[in-house]
PDB file of N, CA and C in Angstrom:
ATOM      1  N   MET A   1      11.220  -4.198  -1.112  1.00  0.00           N
ATOM      2  CA  MET A   1      12.442  -3.706  -1.635  1.00  0.00           C
ATOM      3  C   MET A   1      12.223  -2.248  -2.016  1.00  0.00           C
ATOM      4  N   ARG A   2      13.231  -1.421  -1.770  1.00  0.00           N
ATOM      5  CA  ARG A   2      13.145   0.000  -2.107  1.00  0.00           C
ATOM      6  C   ARG A   2      14.460   0.434  -2.739  1.00  0.00           C
ATOM      7  N   VAL A   3      14.362   1.117  -3.865  1.00  0.00           N
ATOM      8  CA  VAL A   3      15.526   1.660  -4.557  1.00  0.00           C
ATOM      9  C   VAL A   3      15.363   3.166  -4.579  1.00  0.00           C
ATOM     10  N   LYS A   4      16.387   3.891  -4.128  1.00  0.00           N
ATOM     11  CA  LYS A   4      16.268   5.342  -4.096  1.00  0.00           C
ATOM     12  C   LYS A   4      17.561   5.986  -4.583  1.00  0.00           C
ATOM     13  N   GLY A   5      17.471   7.253  -4.876  1.00  0.00           N
ATOM     14  CA  GLY A   5      18.630   7.992  -5.351  1.00  0.00           C
ATOM     15  C   GLY A   5      18.627   9.402  -4.800  1.00  0.00           C
ATOM     16  N   LYS A   6      19.654  10.176  -5.154  1.00  0.00           N
ATOM     17  CA  LYS A   6      19.770  11.573  -4.753  1.00  0.00           C
ATOM     18  C   LYS A   6      20.243  12.383  -5.951  1.00  0.00           C
ATOM     19  N   VAL A   7      19.550  13.490  -6.205  1.00  0.00           N
ATOM     20  CA  VAL A   7      19.903  14.362  -7.312  1.00  0.00           C
ATOM     21  C   VAL A   7      19.838  15.801  -6.811  1.00  0.00           C
ATOM     22  N   SER A   8      20.927  16.546  -6.983  1.00  0.00           N
ATOM     23  CA  SER A   8      20.919  17.966  -6.615  1.00  0.00           C
ATOM     24  C   SER A   8      20.277  18.773  -7.735  1.00  0.00           C
ATOM     25  N   THR A   9      19.319  19.619  -7.362  1.00  0.00           N
ATOM     26  CA  THR A   9      18.646  20.482  -8.336  1.00  0.00           C
ATOM     27  C   THR A   9      18.722  21.918  -7.854  1.00  0.00           C
ATOM     28  N   GLY A  10      18.316  22.851  -8.698  1.00  0.00           N
ATOM     29  CA  GLY A  10      18.284  24.250  -8.306  1.00  0.00           C
ATOM     30  C   GLY A  10      17.268  24.532  -7.212  1.00  0.00           C
ATOM     31  N   ALA A  11      16.242  23.670  -7.094  1.00  0.00           N
ATOM     32  CA  ALA A  11      15.201  23.850  -6.081  1.00  0.00           C
ATOM     33  C   ALA A  11      15.533  23.154  -4.766  1.00  0.00           C
ATOM     34  N   GLY A  12      16.520  22.273  -4.772  1.00  0.00           N
ATOM     35  CA  GLY A  12      16.886  21.529  -3.562  1.00  0.00           C
ATOM     36  C   GLY A  12      17.287  20.109  -3.908  1.00  0.00           C
ATOM     37  N   LEU A  13      17.474  19.289  -2.872  1.00  0.00           N
ATOM     38  CA  LEU A  13      17.871  17.896  -3.041  1.00  0.00           C
ATOM     39  C   LEU A  13      16.641  17.047  -3.366  1.00  0.00           C
ATOM     40  N   LEU A  14      16.647  16.380  -4.516  1.00  0.00           N
ATOM     41  CA  LEU A  14      15.552  15.520  -4.948  1.00  0.00           C
ATOM     42  C   LEU A  14      15.945  14.074  -4.686  1.00  0.00           C
ATOM     43  N   GLN A  15      15.050  13.326  -4.004  1.00  0.00           N
ATOM     44  CA  GLN A  15      15.296  11.919  -3.683  1.00  0.00           C
ATOM     45  C   GLN A  15      14.169  11.066  -4.262  1.00  0.00           C
ATOM     46  N   PRO A  16      14.316  10.617  -5.522  1.00  0.00           N
ATOM     47  CA  PRO A  16      13.301   9.736  -6.111  1.00  0.00           C
ATOM     48  C   PRO A  16      13.457   8.309  -5.595  1.00  0.00           C
ATOM     49  N   TYR A  17      12.359   7.537  -5.634  1.00  0.00           N
ATOM     50  CA  TYR A  17      12.419   6.145  -5.187  1.00  0.00           C
ATOM     51  C   TYR A  17      11.349   5.316  -5.875  1.00  0.00           C
ATOM     52  N   VAL A  18      11.588   4.017  -5.886  1.00  0.00           N
ATOM     53  CA  VAL A  18      10.616   3.021  -6.338  1.00  0.00           C
ATOM     54  C   VAL A  18      10.615   1.926  -5.285  1.00  0.00           C
ATOM     55  N   ARG A  19       9.441   1.427  -4.928  1.00  0.00           N
ATOM     56  CA  ARG A  19       9.372   0.344  -3.941  1.00  0.00           C
ATOM     57  C   ARG A  19       8.408  -0.741  -4.388  1.00  0.00           C
ATOM     58  N   VAL A  20       8.715  -1.956  -3.986  1.00  0.00           N
ATOM     59  CA  VAL A  20       7.880  -3.116  -4.248  1.00  0.00           C
ATOM     60  C   VAL A  20       7.670  -3.836  -2.922  1.00  0.00           C
ATOM     61  N   ASN A  21       6.420  -4.096  -2.573  1.00  0.00           N
ATOM     62  CA  ASN A  21       6.088  -4.840  -1.361  1.00  0.00           C
ATOM     63  C   ASN A  21       5.263  -6.064  -1.743  1.00  0.00           C
ATOM     64  N   VAL A  22       5.506  -7.165  -1.060  1.00  0.00           N
ATOM     65  CA  VAL A  22       4.702  -8.377  -1.215  1.00  0.00           C
ATOM     66  C   VAL A  22       4.081  -8.678   0.138  1.00  0.00           C
ATOM     67  N   TYR A  23       2.760  -8.766   0.170  1.00  0.00           N
ATOM     68  CA  TYR A  23       2.023  -9.044   1.400  1.00  0.00           C
ATOM     69  C   TYR A  23       1.435 -10.451   1.318  1.00  0.00           C
ATOM     70  N   ARG A  24       1.634 -11.237   2.358  1.00  0.00           N
ATOM     71  CA  ARG A  24       1.132 -12.613   2.400  1.00  0.00           C
ATOM     72  C   ARG A  24       0.360 -12.802   3.693  1.00  0.00           C
ATOM     73  N   SER A  25      -0.859 -13.346   3.586  1.00  0.00           N
ATOM     74  CA  SER A  25      -1.655 -13.656   4.775  1.00  0.00           C
ATOM     75  C   SER A  25      -1.985 -15.144   4.784  1.00  0.00           C
ATOM     76  N   SER A  26      -2.136 -15.695   5.968  1.00  0.00           N
ATOM     77  CA  SER A  26      -2.362 -17.133   6.143  1.00  0.00           C
ATOM     78  C   SER A  26      -3.697 -17.570   5.573  1.00  0.00           C
ATOM     79  N   SER A  27      -3.733 -18.816   5.102  1.00  0.00           N
ATOM     80  CA  SER A  27      -4.974 -19.394   4.580  1.00  0.00           C
ATOM     81  C   SER A  27      -5.838 -19.923   5.713  1.00  0.00           C
ATOM     82  N   GLY A  28      -7.123 -19.896   5.510  1.00  0.00           N
ATOM     83  CA  GLY A  28      -8.071 -20.407   6.497  1.00  0.00           C
ATOM     84  C   GLY A  28      -9.483 -20.133   6.028  1.00  0.00           C
ATOM     85  N   THR A  29     -10.419 -20.167   6.969  1.00  0.00           N
ATOM     86  CA  THR A  29     -11.822 -19.916   6.660  1.00  0.00           C
ATOM     87  C   THR A  29     -12.450 -19.135   7.805  1.00  0.00           C
ATOM     88  N   ASP A  30     -13.180 -18.088   7.459  1.00  0.00           N
ATOM     89  CA  ASP A  30     -13.998 -17.360   8.421  1.00  0.00           C
ATOM     90  C   ASP A  30     -15.437 -17.823   8.237  1.00  0.00           C
ATOM     91  N   VAL A  31     -16.153 -18.020   9.347  1.00  0.00           N
ATOM     92  CA  VAL A  31     -17.537 -18.481   9.282  1.00  0.00           C
ATOM     93  C   VAL A  31     -18.420 -17.503  10.048  1.00  0.00           C
ATOM     94  N   ALA A  32     -19.498 -17.060   9.386  1.00  0.00           N
ATOM     95  CA  ALA A  32     -20.518 -16.248  10.038  1.00  0.00           C
ATOM     96  C   ALA A  32     -21.781 -17.096  10.140  1.00  0.00           C
ATOM     97  N   ARG A  33     -22.367 -17.167  11.337  1.00  0.00           N
ATOM     98  CA  ARG A  33     -23.584 -17.971  11.557  1.00  0.00           C
ATOM     99  C   ARG A  33     -24.750 -17.022  11.799  1.00  0.00           C
ATOM    100  N   PHE A  34     -25.813 -17.214  10.998  1.00  0.00           N
ATOM    101  CA  PHE A  34     -27.030 -16.430  11.134  1.00  0.00           C
ATOM    102  C   PHE A  34     -28.111 -17.343  11.691  1.00  0.00           C
ATOM    103  N   ILE A  35     -28.681 -16.941  12.834  1.00  0.00           N
ATOM    104  CA  ILE A  35     -29.665 -17.770  13.521  1.00  0.00           C
ATOM    105  C   ILE A  35     -31.012 -17.047  13.502  1.00  0.00           C
ATOM    106  N   GLY A  36     -32.033 -17.772  13.069  1.00  0.00           N
ATOM    107  CA  GLY A  36     -33.388 -17.228  13.029  1.00  0.00           C
ATOM    108  C   GLY A  36     -34.359 -18.202  13.670  1.00  0.00           C
ATOM    109  N   PRO A  37     -35.639 -17.867  13.689  1.00  0.00           N
ATOM    110  CA  PRO A  37     -36.625 -18.724  14.326  1.00  0.00           C
ATOM    111  C   PRO A  37     -36.772 -20.088  13.641  1.00  0.00           C
ATOM    112  N   ALA A  38     -36.484 -20.163  12.335  1.00  0.00           N
ATOM    113  CA  ALA A  38     -36.680 -21.423  11.613  1.00  0.00           C
ATOM    114  C   ALA A  38     -35.399 -22.235  11.480  1.00  0.00           C
ATOM    115  N   GLY A  39     -34.274 -21.730  11.951  1.00  0.00           N
ATOM    116  CA  GLY A  39     -33.021 -22.479  11.820  1.00  0.00           C
ATOM    117  C   GLY A  39     -31.815 -21.569  11.785  1.00  0.00           C
ATOM    118  N   ALA A  40     -30.695 -22.143  11.357  1.00  0.00           N
ATOM    119  CA  ALA A  40     -29.432 -21.396  11.306  1.00  0.00           C
ATOM    120  C   ALA A  40     -28.760 -21.649   9.959  1.00  0.00           C
ATOM    121  N   THR A  41     -28.007 -20.664   9.511  1.00  0.00           N
ATOM    122  CA  THR A  41     -27.251 -20.773   8.266  1.00  0.00           C
ATOM    123  C   THR A  41     -25.829 -20.313   8.508  1.00  0.00           C
ATOM    124  N   ASP A  42     -24.866 -21.124   8.063  1.00  0.00           N
ATOM    125  CA  ASP A  42     -23.453 -20.739   8.129  1.00  0.00           C
ATOM    126  C   ASP A  42     -22.999 -20.266   6.765  1.00  0.00           C
ATOM    127  N   ILE A  43     -22.271 -19.170   6.741  1.00  0.00           N
ATOM    128  CA  ILE A  43     -21.654 -18.681   5.502  1.00  0.00           C
ATOM    129  C   ILE A  43     -20.153 -18.676   5.729  1.00  0.00           C
ATOM    130  N   ALA A  44     -19.442 -19.461   4.923  1.00  0.00           N
ATOM    131  CA  ALA A  44     -17.989 -19.589   5.059  1.00  0.00           C
ATOM    132  C   ALA A  44     -17.298 -18.766   3.965  1.00  0.00           C
ATOM    133  N   THR A  45     -16.222 -18.095   4.345  1.00  0.00           N
ATOM    134  CA  THR A  45     -15.434 -17.287   3.420  1.00  0.00           C
ATOM    135  C   THR A  45     -13.970 -17.663   3.563  1.00  0.00           C
ATOM    136  N   ARG A  46     -13.327 -17.917   2.436  1.00  0.00           N
ATOM    137  CA  ARG A  46     -11.905 -18.253   2.482  1.00  0.00           C
ATOM    138  C   ARG A  46     -11.084 -17.023   2.850  1.00  0.00           C
ATOM    139  N   THR A  47      -9.973 -17.253   3.530  1.00  0.00           N
ATOM    140  CA  THR A  47      -9.034 -16.189   3.868  1.00  0.00           C
ATOM    141  C   THR A  47      -7.663 -16.572   3.336  1.00  0.00           C
ATOM    142  N   GLY A  48      -6.769 -15.630   3.332  1.00  0.00           N
ATOM    143  CA  GLY A  48      -5.398 -15.878   2.893  1.00  0.00           C
ATOM    144  C   GLY A  48      -5.189 -15.518   1.446  1.00  0.00           C
ATOM    145  N   GLY A  49      -3.995 -15.092   1.153  1.00  0.00           N
ATOM    146  CA  GLY A  49      -3.655 -14.738  -0.218  1.00  0.00           C
ATOM    147  C   GLY A  49      -2.394 -13.906  -0.256  1.00  0.00           C
ATOM    148  N   THR A  50      -2.010 -13.524  -1.460  1.00  0.00           N
ATOM    149  CA  THR A  50      -0.815 -12.726  -1.674  1.00  0.00           C
ATOM    150  C   THR A  50      -1.177 -11.522  -2.527  1.00  0.00           C
ATOM    151  N   SER A  51      -0.655 -10.363  -2.153  1.00  0.00           N
ATOM    152  CA  SER A  51      -0.833  -9.139  -2.930  1.00  0.00           C
ATOM    153  C   SER A  51       0.533  -8.501  -3.132  1.00  0.00           C
ATOM    154  N   THR A  52       0.679  -7.803  -4.249  1.00  0.00           N
ATOM    155  CA  THR A  52       1.925  -7.120  -4.577  1.00  0.00           C
ATOM    156  C   THR A  52       1.632  -5.643  -4.788  1.00  0.00           C
ATOM    157  N   GLU A  53       2.477  -4.795  -4.220  1.00  0.00           N
ATOM    158  CA  GLU A  53       2.320  -3.353  -4.337  1.00  0.00           C
ATOM    159  C   GLU A  53       3.535  -2.768  -5.049  1.00  0.00           C
ATOM    160  N   LEU A  54       3.296  -1.878  -5.999  1.00  0.00           N
ATOM    161  CA  LEU A  54       4.359  -1.163  -6.691  1.00  0.00           C
ATOM    162  C   LEU A  54       4.071   0.322  -6.553  1.00  0.00           C
ATOM    163  N   ALA A  55       5.068   1.099  -6.111  1.00  0.00           N
ATOM    164  CA  ALA A  55       4.883   2.536  -5.923  1.00  0.00           C
ATOM    165  C   ALA A  55       6.160   3.268  -6.279  1.00  0.00           C
ATOM    166  N   GLY A  56       6.003   4.508  -6.691  1.00  0.00           N
ATOM    167  CA  GLY A  56       7.140   5.369  -6.981  1.00  0.00           C
ATOM    168  C   GLY A  56       6.835   6.768  -6.520  1.00  0.00           C
ATOM    169  N   GLY A  57       7.866   7.478  -6.134  1.00  0.00           N
ATOM    170  CA  GLY A  57       7.653   8.832  -5.661  1.00  0.00           C
ATOM    171  C   GLY A  57       8.958   9.570  -5.503  1.00  0.00           C
ATOM    172  N   ALA A  58       8.873  10.732  -4.874  1.00  0.00           N
ATOM    173  CA  ALA A  58      10.060  11.545  -4.667  1.00  0.00           C
ATOM    174  C   ALA A  58       9.828  12.496  -3.502  1.00  0.00           C
ATOM    175  N   THR A  59      10.941  12.882  -2.883  1.00  0.00           N
ATOM    176  CA  THR A  59      10.950  13.912  -1.849  1.00  0.00           C
ATOM    177  C   THR A  59      11.886  15.012  -2.310  1.00  0.00           C
ATOM    178  N   LEU A  60      11.443  16.251  -2.195  1.00  0.00           N
ATOM    179  CA  LEU A  60      12.266  17.405  -2.545  1.00  0.00           C
ATOM    180  C   LEU A  60      12.546  18.190  -1.278  1.00  0.00           C
ATOM    181  N   GLN A  61      13.821  18.228  -0.861  1.00  0.00           N
ATOM    182  CA  GLN A  61      14.237  18.962   0.336  1.00  0.00           C
ATOM    183  C   GLN A  61      14.460  20.411  -0.079  1.00  0.00           C
ATOM    184  N   VAL A  62      13.478  21.281   0.189  1.00  0.00           N
ATOM    185  CA  VAL A  62      13.535  22.686  -0.229  1.00  0.00           C
ATOM    186  C   VAL A  62      14.473  23.481   0.674  1.00  0.00           C
ATOM    187  N   THR A  63      14.321  23.314   1.989  1.00  0.00           N
ATOM    188  CA  THR A  63      15.218  23.925   2.983  1.00  0.00           C
ATOM    189  C   THR A  63      15.502  22.865   4.043  1.00  0.00           C
ATOM    190  N   ASP A  64      16.281  23.232   5.061  1.00  0.00           N
ATOM    191  CA  ASP A  64      16.555  22.282   6.151  1.00  0.00           C
ATOM    192  C   ASP A  64      15.290  21.887   6.898  1.00  0.00           C
ATOM    193  N   SER A  65      14.272  22.765   6.881  1.00  0.00           N
ATOM    194  CA  SER A  65      13.062  22.479   7.648  1.00  0.00           C
ATOM    195  C   SER A  65      11.824  22.218   6.790  1.00  0.00           C
ATOM    196  N   VAL A  66      11.912  22.322   5.471  1.00  0.00           N
ATOM    197  CA  VAL A  66      10.748  22.128   4.604  1.00  0.00           C
ATOM    198  C   VAL A  66      11.087  21.145   3.487  1.00  0.00           C
ATOM    199  N   SER A  67      10.243  20.127   3.337  1.00  0.00           N
ATOM    200  CA  SER A  67      10.372  19.206   2.201  1.00  0.00           C
ATOM    201  C   SER A  67       8.983  18.890   1.651  1.00  0.00           C
ATOM    202  N   LEU A  68       8.950  18.579   0.367  1.00  0.00           N
ATOM    203  CA  LEU A  68       7.713  18.230  -0.329  1.00  0.00           C
ATOM    204  C   LEU A  68       7.825  16.788  -0.788  1.00  0.00           C
ATOM    205  N   TYR A  69       6.713  16.051  -0.796  1.00  0.00           N
ATOM    206  CA  TYR A  69       6.769  14.672  -1.273  1.00  0.00           C
ATOM    207  C   TYR A  69       5.536  14.326  -2.101  1.00  0.00           C
ATOM    208  N   ALA A  70       5.721  13.343  -2.979  1.00  0.00           N
ATOM    209  CA  ALA A  70       4.634  12.840  -3.814  1.00  0.00           C
ATOM    210  C   ALA A  70       4.879  11.362  -4.066  1.00  0.00           C
ATOM    211  N   GLU A  71       3.790  10.589  -4.163  1.00  0.00           N
ATOM    212  CA  GLU A  71       3.898   9.154  -4.428  1.00  0.00           C
ATOM    213  C   GLU A  71       2.679   8.683  -5.198  1.00  0.00           C
ATOM    214  N   VAL A  72       2.896   7.727  -6.107  1.00  0.00           N
ATOM    215  CA  VAL A  72       1.823   7.068  -6.847  1.00  0.00           C
ATOM    216  C   VAL A  72       2.069   5.569  -6.754  1.00  0.00           C
ATOM    217  N   GLY A  73       1.024   4.778  -6.476  1.00  0.00           N
ATOM    218  CA  GLY A  73       1.196   3.335  -6.338  1.00  0.00           C
ATOM    219  C   GLY A  73      -0.072   2.569  -6.639  1.00  0.00           C
ATOM    220  N   LYS A  74       0.081   1.252  -6.743  1.00  0.00           N
ATOM    221  CA  LYS A  74      -1.066   0.364  -7.020  1.00  0.00           C
ATOM    222  C   LYS A  74      -0.826  -0.977  -6.344  1.00  0.00           C
ATOM    223  N   LEU A  75      -1.920  -1.630  -5.919  1.00  0.00           N
ATOM    224  CA  LEU A  75      -1.891  -2.938  -5.274  1.00  0.00           C
ATOM    225  C   LEU A  75      -2.588  -3.947  -6.180  1.00  0.00           C
ATOM    226  N   TRP A  76      -1.920  -5.103  -6.433  1.00  0.00           N
ATOM    227  CA  TRP A  76      -2.481  -6.166  -7.280  1.00  0.00           C
ATOM    228  C   TRP A  76      -2.620  -7.451  -6.489  1.00  0.00           C
ATOM    229  N   SER A  77      -3.632  -8.224  -6.800  1.00  0.00           N
ATOM    230  CA  SER A  77      -3.773  -9.565  -6.250  1.00  0.00           C
ATOM    231  C   SER A  77      -2.789 -10.478  -6.962  1.00  0.00           C
ATOM    232  N   SER A  78      -2.060 -11.304  -6.188  1.00  0.00           N
ATOM    233  CA  SER A  78      -1.052 -12.188  -6.778  1.00  0.00           C
ATOM    234  C   SER A  78      -1.360 -13.657  -6.550  1.00  0.00           C
ATOM    235  N   GLY A  79      -2.505 -13.970  -5.961  1.00  0.00           N
ATOM    236  CA  GLY A  79      -2.885 -15.369  -5.769  1.00  0.00           C
ATOM    237  C   GLY A  79      -3.478 -15.617  -4.394  1.00  0.00           C
ATOM    238  N   GLY A  80      -4.039 -16.804  -4.225  1.00  0.00           N
ATOM    239  CA  GLY A  80      -4.641 -17.186  -2.953  1.00  0.00           C
ATOM    240  C   GLY A  80      -6.150 -17.057  -2.984  1.00  0.00           C
ATOM    241  N   GLY A  81      -6.764 -17.369  -1.850  1.00  0.00           N
ATOM    242  CA  GLY A  81      -8.214 -17.364  -1.748  1.00  0.00           C
ATOM    243  C   GLY A  81      -8.833 -15.982  -1.751  1.00  0.00           C
ATOM    244  N   VAL A  82      -8.110 -14.994  -1.270  1.00  0.00           N
ATOM    245  CA  VAL A  82      -8.634 -13.638  -1.180  1.00  0.00           C
ATOM    246  C   VAL A  82      -7.988 -12.784  -2.271  1.00  0.00           C
ATOM    247  N   ARG A  83      -8.784 -12.068  -3.002  1.00  0.00           N
ATOM    248  CA  ARG A  83      -8.295 -11.200  -4.077  1.00  0.00           C
ATOM    249  C   ARG A  83      -8.283  -9.758  -3.577  1.00  0.00           C
ATOM    250  N   THR A  84      -7.172  -9.322  -3.011  1.00  0.00           N
ATOM    251  CA  THR A  84      -7.046  -7.959  -2.512  1.00  0.00           C
ATOM    252  C   THR A  84      -6.377  -7.113  -3.582  1.00  0.00           C
ATOM    253  N   GLU A  85      -7.110  -6.152  -4.112  1.00  0.00           N
ATOM    254  CA  GLU A  85      -6.593  -5.259  -5.140  1.00  0.00           C
ATOM    255  C   GLU A  85      -6.988  -3.840  -4.796  1.00  0.00           C
ATOM    256  N   GLY A  86      -6.318  -2.906  -5.416  1.00  0.00           N
ATOM    257  CA  GLY A  86      -6.654  -1.513  -5.184  1.00  0.00           C
ATOM    258  C   GLY A  86      -6.523  -0.706  -6.457  1.00  0.00           C
ATOM    259  N   SER A  87      -7.152   0.443  -6.462  1.00  0.00           N
ATOM    260  CA  SER A  87      -7.011   1.345  -7.592  1.00  0.00           C
ATOM    261  C   SER A  87      -5.677   2.078  -7.454  1.00  0.00           C
ATOM    262  N   VAL A  88      -5.378   2.923  -8.401  1.00  0.00           N
ATOM    263  CA  VAL A  88      -4.156   3.719  -8.322  1.00  0.00           C
ATOM    264  C   VAL A  88      -4.336   4.728  -7.190  1.00  0.00           C
ATOM    265  N   ASP A  89      -3.366   4.765  -6.285  1.00  0.00           N
ATOM    266  CA  ASP A  89      -3.391   5.691  -5.154  1.00  0.00           C
ATOM    267  C   ASP A  89      -2.286   6.718  -5.329  1.00  0.00           C
ATOM    268  N   ALA A  90      -2.532   7.919  -4.835  1.00  0.00           N
ATOM    269  CA  ALA A  90      -1.530   8.969  -4.898  1.00  0.00           C
ATOM    270  C   ALA A  90      -1.583   9.788  -3.615  1.00  0.00           C
ATOM    271  N   SER A  91      -0.445  10.345  -3.250  1.00  0.00           N
ATOM    272  CA  SER A  91      -0.405  11.235  -2.097  1.00  0.00           C
ATOM    273  C   SER A  91       0.578  12.365  -2.358  1.00  0.00           C
ATOM    274  N   LEU A  92       0.249  13.517  -1.831  1.00  0.00           N
ATOM    275  CA  LEU A  92       1.093  14.712  -1.891  1.00  0.00           C
ATOM    276  C   LEU A  92       1.185  15.264  -0.489  1.00  0.00           C
ATOM    277  N   GLY A  93       2.321  15.865  -0.153  1.00  0.00           N
ATOM    278  CA  GLY A  93       2.409  16.410   1.188  1.00  0.00           C
ATOM    279  C   GLY A  93       3.572  17.355   1.382  1.00  0.00           C
ATOM    280  N   VAL A  94       3.542  17.990   2.529  1.00  0.00           N
ATOM    281  CA  VAL A  94       4.586  18.913   2.965  1.00  0.00           C
ATOM    282  C   VAL A  94       5.032  18.442   4.343  1.00  0.00           C
ATOM    283  N   LYS A  95       6.344  18.373   4.546  1.00  0.00           N
ATOM    284  CA  LYS A  95       6.887  18.002   5.855  1.00  0.00           C
ATOM    285  C   LYS A  95       7.621  19.211   6.409  1.00  0.00           C
ATOM    286  N   LEU A  96       7.256  19.603   7.632  1.00  0.00           N
ATOM    287  CA  LEU A  96       7.870  20.747   8.297  1.00  0.00           C
ATOM    288  C   LEU A  96       8.577  20.294   9.559  1.00  0.00           C
ATOM    289  N   ARG A  97       9.773  20.772   9.770  1.00  0.00           N
ATOM    290  CA  ARG A  97      10.516  20.489  11.002  1.00  0.00           C
ATOM    291  C   ARG A  97      10.764  21.792  11.741  1.00  0.00           C
ATOM    292  N   TRP A  98      10.632  21.779  13.064  1.00  0.00           N
ATOM    293  CA  TRP A  98      10.949  22.937  13.865  1.00  0.00           C
ATOM    294  C   TRP A  98      11.554  22.543  15.170  1.00  0.00           C
TER     295      TRP A  98
END
């Protein structure tokens, strides 16, 4: 889900937004087999789980061909066999059109 808006400023059109994503992967098991001279060993790892991402940012349209953007977000584990989490991520950028 994404919620966005538009605000006119002296520097240009500002478009702030907030987004929420839910990622779901199927449950199962991955197996790695290690074979040596004395025998073999299987290591099983569960797969599948749910993660939720929350991010917010904005785009500033400076001119028709130049815009600036920034975003900050985080990923959380929401359940399942796999715990996928992330630290706070951020990005800054410039978009040029010609």
